[in-house]
Amino acid sequence: MSTSVKHTIAKASDVWFSDRKLFVRLYDGREIGVPLEWFPKLRDAGEAELRNWRIIGGGIGIHWESLDEDISVEGLLK
């Protein structure tokens, strides 16, 4: 008997911050929260810089132009 596992790629739909965490909402409804300590450029950034993000690759990543920072959703899930 053969089984098949359907692998879907997690994609970001929204990003927000608390004092110490980065949060990412995925299209499937899950929310990821990770410490800003993991990303020194984000940890040290000002509020305006943090808000200046955009979703890239159809949702597979998040980019901050002014900080030269890219984060993959897959990397957050590992």
N, C-alpha and C. Protein backbone atom coordinates (compact mmCIF):
# COMPACT_ATOMS: atom_id res chain seq x y z
N MET A 1 0.84 -1.17 0.00
CA MET A 1 0.00 0.00 0.00
C MET A 1 0.89 1.24 0.00
N SER A 2 0.58 2.15 -0.84
CA SER A 2 1.35 3.37 -0.97
C SER A 2 0.53 4.53 -0.41
N THR A 3 1.19 5.37 0.35
CA THR A 3 0.52 6.56 0.84
C THR A 3 1.24 7.79 0.32
N SER A 4 0.52 8.84 0.20
CA SER A 4 1.08 10.09 -0.29
C SER A 4 0.84 11.18 0.75
N VAL A 5 1.87 11.92 1.04
CA VAL A 5 1.75 13.04 1.96
C VAL A 5 1.77 14.32 1.15
N LYS A 6 0.73 15.09 1.29
CA LYS A 6 0.66 16.36 0.58
C LYS A 6 1.43 17.40 1.38
N HIS A 7 2.44 17.97 0.76
CA HIS A 7 3.24 18.99 1.42
C HIS A 7 2.85 20.35 0.85
N THR A 8 2.34 21.20 1.71
CA THR A 8 2.00 22.54 1.27
C THR A 8 3.05 23.50 1.81
N ILE A 9 3.33 24.50 1.06
CA ILE A 9 4.32 25.50 1.47
C ILE A 9 3.62 26.54 2.33
N ALA A 10 4.16 26.75 3.53
CA ALA A 10 3.62 27.77 4.42
C ALA A 10 3.93 29.15 3.86
N LYS A 11 2.92 30.02 3.84
CA LYS A 11 3.09 31.36 3.29
C LYS A 11 2.56 32.40 4.25
N ALA A 12 3.29 33.49 4.38
CA ALA A 12 2.93 34.58 5.28
C ALA A 12 1.85 35.46 4.68
N SER A 13 0.96 35.93 5.55
CA SER A 13 -0.05 36.88 5.11
C SER A 13 0.00 38.19 5.88
N ASP A 14 0.64 38.19 7.07
CA ASP A 14 0.72 39.40 7.88
C ASP A 14 1.90 39.29 8.83
N VAL A 15 2.39 40.44 9.28
CA VAL A 15 3.52 40.53 10.20
C VAL A 15 3.22 41.62 11.21
N TRP A 16 3.56 41.36 12.49
CA TRP A 16 3.45 42.38 13.52
C TRP A 16 4.43 42.08 14.63
N PHE A 17 4.58 43.03 15.54
CA PHE A 17 5.59 42.94 16.59
C PHE A 17 5.00 43.27 17.95
N SER A 18 5.59 42.66 18.99
CA SER A 18 5.40 43.11 20.36
C SER A 18 6.76 43.65 20.80
N ASP A 19 6.92 43.95 22.06
CA ASP A 19 8.20 44.48 22.53
C ASP A 19 9.36 43.54 22.28
N ARG A 20 9.11 42.23 22.36
CA ARG A 20 10.21 41.27 22.27
C ARG A 20 10.01 40.17 21.25
N LYS A 21 8.94 40.25 20.47
CA LYS A 21 8.67 39.16 19.54
C LYS A 21 8.25 39.66 18.16
N LEU A 22 8.56 38.83 17.18
CA LEU A 22 8.08 38.97 15.80
C LEU A 22 6.97 37.94 15.63
N PHE A 23 5.84 38.36 15.10
CA PHE A 23 4.72 37.46 14.84
C PHE A 23 4.44 37.43 13.35
N VAL A 24 4.13 36.25 12.85
CA VAL A 24 3.79 36.07 11.44
C VAL A 24 2.51 35.24 11.36
N ARG A 25 1.52 35.76 10.66
CA ARG A 25 0.30 35.01 10.41
C ARG A 25 0.42 34.34 9.05
N LEU A 26 0.08 33.07 9.00
CA LEU A 26 0.13 32.31 7.75
C LEU A 26 -1.24 32.24 7.12
N TYR A 27 -1.26 32.01 5.82
CA TYR A 27 -2.51 31.93 5.08
C TYR A 27 -3.44 30.84 5.61
N ASP A 28 -2.86 29.79 6.20
CA ASP A 28 -3.71 28.71 6.72
C ASP A 28 -4.26 29.00 8.12
N GLY A 29 -3.98 30.21 8.65
CA GLY A 29 -4.52 30.61 9.94
C GLY A 29 -3.57 30.47 11.11
N ARG A 30 -2.48 29.72 10.94
CA ARG A 30 -1.51 29.60 12.03
C ARG A 30 -0.80 30.93 12.26
N GLU A 31 -0.35 31.11 13.50
CA GLU A 31 0.44 32.27 13.86
C GLU A 31 1.72 31.80 14.52
N ILE A 32 2.83 32.39 14.09
CA ILE A 32 4.16 32.06 14.63
C ILE A 32 4.65 33.26 15.42
N GLY A 33 5.17 33.03 16.59
CA GLY A 33 5.80 34.08 17.39
C GLY A 33 7.21 33.65 17.75
N VAL A 34 8.19 34.46 17.41
CA VAL A 34 9.58 34.14 17.71
C VAL A 34 10.26 35.34 18.37
N PRO A 35 11.27 35.08 19.21
CA PRO A 35 11.97 36.18 19.88
C PRO A 35 12.72 37.07 18.88
N LEU A 36 12.65 38.37 19.11
CA LEU A 36 13.43 39.29 18.28
C LEU A 36 14.93 39.07 18.46
N GLU A 37 15.33 38.49 19.57
CA GLU A 37 16.74 38.18 19.81
C GLU A 37 17.34 37.31 18.70
N TRP A 38 16.50 36.53 18.04
CA TRP A 38 16.98 35.68 16.95
C TRP A 38 17.44 36.51 15.75
N PHE A 39 16.99 37.75 15.65
CA PHE A 39 17.26 38.60 14.49
C PHE A 39 17.77 39.96 14.97
N PRO A 40 19.08 40.09 15.18
CA PRO A 40 19.64 41.32 15.74
C PRO A 40 19.27 42.59 14.97
N LYS A 41 19.19 42.51 13.65
CA LYS A 41 18.82 43.71 12.87
C LYS A 41 17.42 44.17 13.23
N LEU A 42 16.51 43.24 13.42
CA LEU A 42 15.15 43.60 13.81
C LEU A 42 15.10 44.05 15.26
N ARG A 43 15.81 43.35 16.11
CA ARG A 43 15.86 43.69 17.54
C ARG A 43 16.31 45.13 17.75
N ASP A 44 17.30 45.57 16.97
CA ASP A 44 17.89 46.89 17.14
C ASP A 44 17.20 47.98 16.31
N ALA A 45 16.22 47.61 15.52
CA ALA A 45 15.56 48.58 14.63
C ALA A 45 14.53 49.41 15.38
N GLY A 46 14.25 50.58 14.81
CA GLY A 46 13.19 51.44 15.34
C GLY A 46 11.82 50.96 14.87
N GLU A 47 10.80 51.50 15.49
CA GLU A 47 9.42 51.10 15.17
C GLU A 47 9.07 51.34 13.70
N ALA A 48 9.49 52.47 13.16
CA ALA A 48 9.19 52.77 11.75
C ALA A 48 9.89 51.78 10.82
N GLU A 49 11.11 51.40 11.14
CA GLU A 49 11.83 50.42 10.32
C GLU A 49 11.16 49.05 10.38
N LEU A 50 10.71 48.67 11.55
CA LEU A 50 10.04 47.37 11.69
C LEU A 50 8.76 47.31 10.87
N ARG A 51 8.04 48.41 10.81
CA ARG A 51 6.77 48.44 10.06
C ARG A 51 6.98 48.46 8.55
N ASN A 52 8.19 48.73 8.11
CA ASN A 52 8.49 48.85 6.69
C ASN A 52 8.91 47.50 6.09
N TRP A 53 8.02 46.52 6.14
CA TRP A 53 8.28 45.18 5.62
C TRP A 53 7.39 44.94 4.40
N ARG A 54 7.77 43.91 3.66
CA ARG A 54 6.90 43.45 2.57
C ARG A 54 7.06 41.95 2.41
N ILE A 55 6.01 41.32 1.99
CA ILE A 55 6.04 39.89 1.75
C ILE A 55 6.66 39.64 0.39
N ILE A 56 7.56 38.66 0.32
CA ILE A 56 8.25 38.35 -0.94
C ILE A 56 8.00 36.90 -1.34
N GLY A 57 8.21 36.64 -2.61
CA GLY A 57 8.10 35.27 -3.11
C GLY A 57 6.72 34.67 -2.96
N GLY A 58 5.70 35.51 -3.07
CA GLY A 58 4.34 35.01 -2.94
C GLY A 58 3.99 34.56 -1.54
N GLY A 59 4.78 34.99 -0.55
CA GLY A 59 4.49 34.65 0.84
C GLY A 59 5.51 33.77 1.50
N ILE A 60 6.53 33.34 0.76
CA ILE A 60 7.52 32.43 1.36
C ILE A 60 8.54 33.16 2.23
N GLY A 61 8.54 34.51 2.16
CA GLY A 61 9.50 35.26 2.96
C GLY A 61 9.01 36.66 3.26
N ILE A 62 9.76 37.33 4.14
CA ILE A 62 9.48 38.71 4.53
C ILE A 62 10.77 39.49 4.36
N HIS A 63 10.66 40.71 3.83
CA HIS A 63 11.84 41.53 3.52
C HIS A 63 11.69 42.91 4.15
N TRP A 64 12.78 43.39 4.74
CA TRP A 64 12.88 44.76 5.26
C TRP A 64 13.97 45.45 4.46
N GLU A 65 13.58 46.27 3.52
CA GLU A 65 14.51 46.95 2.62
C GLU A 65 15.53 47.80 3.38
N SER A 66 15.06 48.66 4.28
CA SER A 66 15.97 49.58 4.97
C SER A 66 16.93 48.87 5.92
N LEU A 67 16.59 47.65 6.33
CA LEU A 67 17.45 46.88 7.23
C LEU A 67 18.27 45.82 6.51
N ASP A 68 18.01 45.64 5.21
CA ASP A 68 18.66 44.59 4.43
C ASP A 68 18.51 43.23 5.13
N GLU A 69 17.25 42.91 5.49
CA GLU A 69 16.95 41.68 6.23
C GLU A 69 15.86 40.90 5.50
N ASP A 70 16.09 39.61 5.35
CA ASP A 70 15.11 38.69 4.77
C ASP A 70 14.94 37.51 5.71
N ILE A 71 13.70 37.10 5.92
CA ILE A 71 13.40 35.95 6.77
C ILE A 71 12.46 35.04 5.99
N SER A 72 12.78 33.75 5.96
CA SER A 72 11.90 32.79 5.30
C SER A 72 10.91 32.22 6.29
N VAL A 73 9.69 31.99 5.84
CA VAL A 73 8.68 31.36 6.69
C VAL A 73 9.13 29.95 7.04
N GLU A 74 9.68 29.23 6.09
CA GLU A 74 10.16 27.88 6.35
C GLU A 74 11.19 27.86 7.46
N GLY A 75 12.08 28.85 7.48
CA GLY A 75 13.09 28.95 8.51
C GLY A 75 12.48 29.19 9.89
N LEU A 76 11.42 29.97 9.94
CA LEU A 76 10.74 30.22 11.21
C LEU A 76 10.09 28.95 11.75
N LEU A 77 9.65 28.10 10.87
CA LEU A 77 8.97 26.88 11.29
C LEU A 77 9.92 25.77 11.72
N LYS A 78 11.19 25.90 11.39
CA LYS A 78 12.17 24.85 11.75
C LYS A 78 12.65 24.99 13.16
